[in-house]
Amino acid sequence: MAPTLSPNEDTKHAAGSWRVAPIVRRRVLHSGTAAVLALVCGAACADGVSGSIAYAAKSGPIVVTPKYAYLVAGPDEVSGKPMRRVVLAAADVAPKIRACEAMSCSDGGLREGMTIDFDAGPRLNYWLVGNDQRVQYSGTAEPTSLRLVANTPQRLAGKWDLDARAAGGPQIQIEFDAALLKTMKQAR
């Protein structure tokens, strides 16, 4: 008689059946869940955003709810030094970013969302765009205002709770996970 695997046991016992350690079950469960998510969601679930950005525009309050997060790397337009940009978008702009040849193009297709520039200076530079680009706001923030949980050349992920309303800016409450989509060779 061939041994059978039981998900509730961790050693071979007298009847000849095998016990599987709980850690193995978790690994199999997590691997299976990841595989199912990859099949169902594709690239859309790999890089995501939760939360929103609220801004009191002169035309009235707007709320931008990004759904996609992309990481783009390349030279800074001012200094020429390497930098990383996270693009948070309400619509999928990955094809437009992939078609870009320069960093200056990486945010051109953004109609609703935000960009955050990392490594371009001592502060985080951000650009908010809403209402089909009719509302825009640019600002800077202390890097410590954004709590990163992943900070590698291939991936940036974190949580940003920033209230810039006192300075006329947005209130940002987002969590994002952005994998590198493209590395640009040119600034412009």
C-alpha atoms as a PDB file:
ATOM      1  CA  MET A   1       0.000   0.000   0.000  1.00  0.00           C
ATOM      2  CA  ALA A   2       1.396   3.419  -1.002  1.00  0.00           C
ATOM      3  CA  PRO A   3       1.697   6.031   1.735  1.00  0.00           C
ATOM      4  CA  THR A   4      -0.938   8.790   1.725  1.00  0.00           C
ATOM      5  CA  LEU A   5      -0.323  12.412   2.629  1.00  0.00           C
ATOM      6  CA  SER A   6      -2.395  13.924   5.365  1.00  0.00           C
ATOM      7  CA  PRO A   7      -2.434  17.721   5.726  1.00  0.00           C
ATOM      8  CA  ASN A   8      -2.832  17.465   9.510  1.00  0.00           C
ATOM      9  CA  GLU A   9       0.186  15.297  10.359  1.00  0.00           C
ATOM     10  CA  ASP A  10       3.950  15.813  10.260  1.00  0.00           C
ATOM     11  CA  THR A  11       5.623  12.387  10.559  1.00  0.00           C
ATOM     12  CA  LYS A  12       5.212   8.862   9.259  1.00  0.00           C
ATOM     13  CA  HIS A  13       3.202   6.769  11.626  1.00  0.00           C
ATOM     14  CA  ALA A  14       2.435   3.088  12.038  1.00  0.00           C
ATOM     15  CA  ALA A  15      -0.335   2.862   9.421  1.00  0.00           C
ATOM     16  CA  GLY A  16       2.131   3.965   6.743  1.00  0.00           C
ATOM     17  CA  SER A  17       0.622   7.379   6.041  1.00  0.00           C
ATOM     18  CA  TRP A  18       2.681  10.566   6.020  1.00  0.00           C
ATOM     19  CA  ARG A  19       2.138  13.711   7.964  1.00  0.00           C
ATOM     20  CA  VAL A  20       2.948  17.018   6.273  1.00  0.00           C
ATOM     21  CA  ALA A  21       4.426  19.749   8.416  1.00  0.00           C
ATOM     22  CA  PRO A  22       2.244  22.878   8.760  1.00  0.00           C
ATOM     23  CA  ILE A  23       5.012  25.043   7.252  1.00  0.00           C
ATOM     24  CA  VAL A  24       4.932  22.959   4.067  1.00  0.00           C
ATOM     25  CA  ARG A  25       1.172  23.414   3.825  1.00  0.00           C
ATOM     26  CA  ARG A  26       1.544  27.194   4.159  1.00  0.00           C
ATOM     27  CA  ARG A  27       4.207  27.312   1.456  1.00  0.00           C
ATOM     28  CA  VAL A  28       2.042  25.257  -0.866  1.00  0.00           C
ATOM     29  CA  LEU A  29      -1.006  27.395  -0.045  1.00  0.00           C
ATOM     30  CA  HIS A  30       0.892  30.676  -0.599  1.00  0.00           C
ATOM     31  CA  SER A  31       2.476  29.390  -3.802  1.00  0.00           C
ATOM     32  CA  GLY A  32      -0.896  28.251  -5.086  1.00  0.00           C
ATOM     33  CA  THR A  33      -2.546  31.545  -4.164  1.00  0.00           C
ATOM     34  CA  ALA A  34       0.207  33.512  -5.888  1.00  0.00           C
ATOM     35  CA  ALA A  35      -0.110  31.395  -9.015  1.00  0.00           C
ATOM     36  CA  VAL A  36      -3.885  31.859  -9.126  1.00  0.00           C
ATOM     37  CA  LEU A  37      -3.552  35.625  -8.625  1.00  0.00           C
ATOM     38  CA  ALA A  38      -0.944  35.824 -11.368  1.00  0.00           C
ATOM     39  CA  LEU A  39      -3.250  33.990 -13.770  1.00  0.00           C
ATOM     40  CA  VAL A  40      -6.369  35.947 -12.861  1.00  0.00           C
ATOM     41  CA  CYS A  41      -4.880  39.416 -12.469  1.00  0.00           C
ATOM     42  CA  GLY A  42      -1.901  39.443 -14.785  1.00  0.00           C
ATOM     43  CA  ALA A  43       0.246  42.564 -14.497  1.00  0.00           C
ATOM     44  CA  ALA A  44      -2.565  44.652 -13.024  1.00  0.00           C
ATOM     45  CA  CYS A  45      -2.329  43.017  -9.578  1.00  0.00           C
ATOM     46  CA  ALA A  46       1.457  42.869  -9.465  1.00  0.00           C
ATOM     47  CA  ASP A  47       1.795  46.611  -9.046  1.00  0.00           C
ATOM     48  CA  GLY A  48      -0.980  48.299  -7.186  1.00  0.00           C
ATOM     49  CA  VAL A  49      -2.198  51.159  -5.090  1.00  0.00           C
ATOM     50  CA  SER A  50      -4.782  51.539  -2.387  1.00  0.00           C
ATOM     51  CA  GLY A  51      -6.016  54.776  -0.920  1.00  0.00           C
ATOM     52  CA  SER A  52      -6.673  58.213  -2.351  1.00  0.00           C
ATOM     53  CA  ILE A  53      -5.388  61.736  -2.837  1.00  0.00           C
ATOM     54  CA  ALA A  54      -7.717  64.630  -1.979  1.00  0.00           C
ATOM     55  CA  TYR A  55      -7.115  68.175  -3.186  1.00  0.00           C
ATOM     56  CA  ALA A  56      -9.126  71.377  -2.713  1.00  0.00           C
ATOM     57  CA  ALA A  57      -8.898  72.885  -6.198  1.00  0.00           C
ATOM     58  CA  LYS A  58     -10.277  76.344  -6.998  1.00  0.00           C
ATOM     59  CA  SER A  59     -12.943  74.647  -9.116  1.00  0.00           C
ATOM     60  CA  GLY A  60     -13.961  72.446  -6.178  1.00  0.00           C
ATOM     61  CA  PRO A  61     -12.636  69.434  -4.278  1.00  0.00           C
ATOM     62  CA  ILE A  62     -11.270  66.491  -6.239  1.00  0.00           C
ATOM     63  CA  VAL A  63     -10.337  63.005  -5.130  1.00  0.00           C
ATOM     64  CA  VAL A  64      -7.947  60.925  -7.209  1.00  0.00           C
ATOM     65  CA  THR A  65      -7.978  57.175  -6.604  1.00  0.00           C
ATOM     66  CA  PRO A  66      -4.964  55.567  -8.317  1.00  0.00           C
ATOM     67  CA  LYS A  67      -5.211  51.886  -9.200  1.00  0.00           C
ATOM     68  CA  TYR A  68      -1.862  51.258 -10.917  1.00  0.00           C
ATOM     69  CA  ALA A  69       1.721  51.796  -9.744  1.00  0.00           C
ATOM     70  CA  TYR A  70       4.775  51.812 -12.006  1.00  0.00           C
ATOM     71  CA  LEU A  71       8.457  52.369 -11.295  1.00  0.00           C
ATOM     72  CA  VAL A  72      10.530  54.122 -13.939  1.00  0.00           C
ATOM     73  CA  ALA A  73      14.276  54.756 -13.693  1.00  0.00           C
ATOM     74  CA  GLY A  74      16.505  57.081 -15.672  1.00  0.00           C
ATOM     75  CA  PRO A  75      18.425  60.345 -15.589  1.00  0.00           C
ATOM     76  CA  ASP A  76      17.015  63.393 -13.800  1.00  0.00           C
ATOM     77  CA  GLU A  77      16.042  66.135 -16.238  1.00  0.00           C
ATOM     78  CA  VAL A  78      17.884  68.842 -14.257  1.00  0.00           C
ATOM     79  CA  SER A  79      21.019  67.178 -12.888  1.00  0.00           C
ATOM     80  CA  GLY A  80      21.354  64.199 -15.244  1.00  0.00           C
ATOM     81  CA  LYS A  81      21.934  61.945 -12.203  1.00  0.00           C
ATOM     82  CA  PRO A  82      20.108  58.594 -11.932  1.00  0.00           C
ATOM     83  CA  MET A  83      16.695  58.773 -10.280  1.00  0.00           C
ATOM     84  CA  ARG A  84      13.560  56.695  -9.821  1.00  0.00           C
ATOM     85  CA  ARG A  85       9.978  57.842 -10.415  1.00  0.00           C
ATOM     86  CA  VAL A  86       6.848  56.140  -9.145  1.00  0.00           C
ATOM     87  CA  VAL A  87       3.841  56.790 -11.357  1.00  0.00           C
ATOM     88  CA  LEU A  88       0.481  56.244  -9.636  1.00  0.00           C
ATOM     89  CA  ALA A  89      -2.345  56.232 -12.172  1.00  0.00           C
ATOM     90  CA  ALA A  90      -6.110  55.836 -12.171  1.00  0.00           C
ATOM     91  CA  ALA A  91      -5.909  54.236 -15.647  1.00  0.00           C
ATOM     92  CA  ASP A  92      -3.397  51.791 -17.111  1.00  0.00           C
ATOM     93  CA  VAL A  93      -0.622  53.892 -18.693  1.00  0.00           C
ATOM     94  CA  ALA A  94       1.965  51.082 -18.914  1.00  0.00           C
ATOM     95  CA  PRO A  95       1.860  50.929 -22.750  1.00  0.00           C
ATOM     96  CA  LYS A  96       2.517  54.685 -22.969  1.00  0.00           C
ATOM     97  CA  ILE A  97       5.426  54.457 -20.518  1.00  0.00           C
ATOM     98  CA  ARG A  98       6.928  51.483 -22.360  1.00  0.00           C
ATOM     99  CA  ALA A  99       6.824  53.518 -25.592  1.00  0.00           C
ATOM    100  CA  CYS A 100       8.801  56.378 -23.984  1.00  0.00           C
ATOM    101  CA  GLU A 101      12.463  56.901 -24.761  1.00  0.00           C
ATOM    102  CA  ALA A 102      13.109  59.630 -22.145  1.00  0.00           C
ATOM    103  CA  MET A 103      12.229  60.358 -18.507  1.00  0.00           C
ATOM    104  CA  SER A 104      10.411  63.532 -19.542  1.00  0.00           C
ATOM    105  CA  CYS A 105       7.855  61.340 -21.340  1.00  0.00           C
ATOM    106  CA  SER A 106       7.197  58.981 -18.402  1.00  0.00           C
ATOM    107  CA  ASP A 107       4.372  61.101 -16.965  1.00  0.00           C
ATOM    108  CA  GLY A 108       2.918  62.549 -20.172  1.00  0.00           C
ATOM    109  CA  GLY A 109       0.121  59.994 -20.456  1.00  0.00           C
ATOM    110  CA  LEU A 110      -1.016  60.573 -16.874  1.00  0.00           C
ATOM    111  CA  ARG A 111      -4.510  62.127 -16.801  1.00  0.00           C
ATOM    112  CA  GLU A 112      -5.406  61.305 -13.172  1.00  0.00           C
ATOM    113  CA  GLY A 113      -2.796  60.347 -10.607  1.00  0.00           C
ATOM    114  CA  MET A 114       0.541  61.330  -9.148  1.00  0.00           C
ATOM    115  CA  THR A 115       4.252  60.997  -9.738  1.00  0.00           C
ATOM    116  CA  ILE A 116       6.813  60.812  -6.933  1.00  0.00           C
ATOM    117  CA  ASP A 117      10.488  61.382  -7.714  1.00  0.00           C
ATOM    118  CA  PHE A 118      13.072  59.583  -5.603  1.00  0.00           C
ATOM    119  CA  ASP A 119      16.841  60.234  -5.609  1.00  0.00           C
ATOM    120  CA  ALA A 120      16.450  63.579  -7.446  1.00  0.00           C
ATOM    121  CA  GLY A 121      17.426  65.683  -4.448  1.00  0.00           C
ATOM    122  CA  PRO A 122      17.137  65.944  -0.669  1.00  0.00           C
ATOM    123  CA  ARG A 123      13.308  65.997  -0.793  1.00  0.00           C
ATOM    124  CA  LEU A 124      10.608  63.975  -2.525  1.00  0.00           C
ATOM    125  CA  ASN A 125       9.224  65.838  -5.524  1.00  0.00           C
ATOM    126  CA  TYR A 126       5.629  65.040  -6.416  1.00  0.00           C
ATOM    127  CA  TRP A 127       3.126  66.067  -9.066  1.00  0.00           C
ATOM    128  CA  LEU A 128      -0.605  65.585  -8.656  1.00  0.00           C
ATOM    129  CA  VAL A 129      -2.883  65.642 -11.692  1.00  0.00           C
ATOM    130  CA  GLY A 130      -6.656  65.286 -11.772  1.00  0.00           C
ATOM    131  CA  ASN A 131      -9.791  66.093 -13.728  1.00  0.00           C
ATOM    132  CA  ASP A 132      -8.179  64.975 -17.014  1.00  0.00           C
ATOM    133  CA  GLN A 133      -5.083  67.154 -16.375  1.00  0.00           C
ATOM    134  CA  ARG A 134      -7.135  70.314 -15.793  1.00  0.00           C
ATOM    135  CA  VAL A 135      -6.061  70.341 -12.135  1.00  0.00           C
ATOM    136  CA  GLN A 136      -2.363  70.077 -11.269  1.00  0.00           C
ATOM    137  CA  TYR A 137      -0.294  70.629  -8.154  1.00  0.00           C
ATOM    138  CA  SER A 138       3.465  70.214  -7.636  1.00  0.00           C
ATOM    139  CA  GLY A 139       5.106  70.002  -4.253  1.00  0.00           C
ATOM    140  CA  THR A 140       7.940  68.581  -2.207  1.00  0.00           C
ATOM    141  CA  ALA A 141       8.001  66.601   1.023  1.00  0.00           C
ATOM    142  CA  GLU A 142      10.491  65.268   3.513  1.00  0.00           C
ATOM    143  CA  PRO A 143      11.557  61.730   2.575  1.00  0.00           C
ATOM    144  CA  THR A 144      10.713  60.604   6.129  1.00  0.00           C
ATOM    145  CA  SER A 145       7.021  61.347   5.412  1.00  0.00           C
ATOM    146  CA  LEU A 146       6.914  58.242   3.196  1.00  0.00           C
ATOM    147  CA  ARG A 147       7.476  54.906   4.926  1.00  0.00           C
ATOM    148  CA  LEU A 148       9.061  52.455   2.489  1.00  0.00           C
ATOM    149  CA  VAL A 149       8.834  48.706   3.019  1.00  0.00           C
ATOM    150  CA  ALA A 150      10.759  47.903  -0.192  1.00  0.00           C
ATOM    151  CA  ASN A 151      13.462  50.151  -1.586  1.00  0.00           C
ATOM    152  CA  THR A 152      15.525  48.484  -4.320  1.00  0.00           C
ATOM    153  CA  PRO A 153      16.424  49.465  -7.883  1.00  0.00           C
ATOM    154  CA  GLN A 154      13.781  46.949  -9.043  1.00  0.00           C
ATOM    155  CA  ARG A 155      10.945  47.798  -6.647  1.00  0.00           C
ATOM    156  CA  LEU A 156       9.577  50.571  -4.436  1.00  0.00           C
ATOM    157  CA  ALA A 157       6.720  49.908  -2.022  1.00  0.00           C
ATOM    158  CA  GLY A 158       5.422  51.855   0.922  1.00  0.00           C
ATOM    159  CA  LYS A 159       2.801  53.933   2.632  1.00  0.00           C
ATOM    160  CA  TRP A 160       2.455  57.705   2.390  1.00  0.00           C
ATOM    161  CA  ASP A 161       0.290  59.723   4.759  1.00  0.00           C
ATOM    162  CA  LEU A 162       0.963  63.372   3.962  1.00  0.00           C
ATOM    163  CA  ASP A 163      -1.264  66.304   4.813  1.00  0.00           C
ATOM    164  CA  ALA A 164      -0.097  69.333   2.808  1.00  0.00           C
ATOM    165  CA  ARG A 165      -3.454  71.152   3.026  1.00  0.00           C
ATOM    166  CA  ALA A 166      -2.036  73.939   5.229  1.00  0.00           C
ATOM    167  CA  ALA A 167       0.272  74.888   2.334  1.00  0.00           C
ATOM    168  CA  GLY A 168      -2.535  74.589  -0.253  1.00  0.00           C
ATOM    169  CA  GLY A 169      -1.531  71.062  -1.224  1.00  0.00           C
ATOM    170  CA  PRO A 170      -3.191  67.647  -1.180  1.00  0.00           C
ATOM    171  CA  GLN A 171      -3.939  65.166   1.543  1.00  0.00           C
ATOM    172  CA  ILE A 172      -2.276  61.914   0.480  1.00  0.00           C
ATOM    173  CA  GLN A 173      -3.206  58.575   2.033  1.00  0.00           C
ATOM    174  CA  ILE A 174      -1.863  55.816  -0.189  1.00  0.00           C
ATOM    175  CA  GLU A 175      -0.072  52.486  -0.106  1.00  0.00           C
ATOM    176  CA  PHE A 176       1.717  51.370  -3.252  1.00  0.00           C
ATOM    177  CA  ASP A 177       3.872  48.578  -4.621  1.00  0.00           C
ATOM    178  CA  ALA A 178       5.662  49.424  -7.860  1.00  0.00           C
ATOM    179  CA  ALA A 179       7.979  47.099  -9.777  1.00  0.00           C
ATOM    180  CA  LEU A 180      10.392  48.481 -12.353  1.00  0.00           C
ATOM    181  CA  LEU A 181       8.565  48.902 -15.654  1.00  0.00           C
ATOM    182  CA  LYS A 182      11.278  50.587 -17.717  1.00  0.00           C
ATOM    183  CA  THR A 183      14.733  52.162 -17.479  1.00  0.00           C
ATOM    184  CA  MET A 184      15.157  55.229 -19.653  1.00  0.00           C
ATOM    185  CA  LYS A 185      18.515  56.160 -21.171  1.00  0.00           C
ATOM    186  CA  GLN A 186      17.752  59.838 -21.808  1.00  0.00           C
ATOM    187  CA  ALA A 187      16.390  62.679 -19.665  1.00  0.00           C
ATOM    188  CA  ARG A 188      14.667  64.442 -22.598  1.00  0.00           C
END
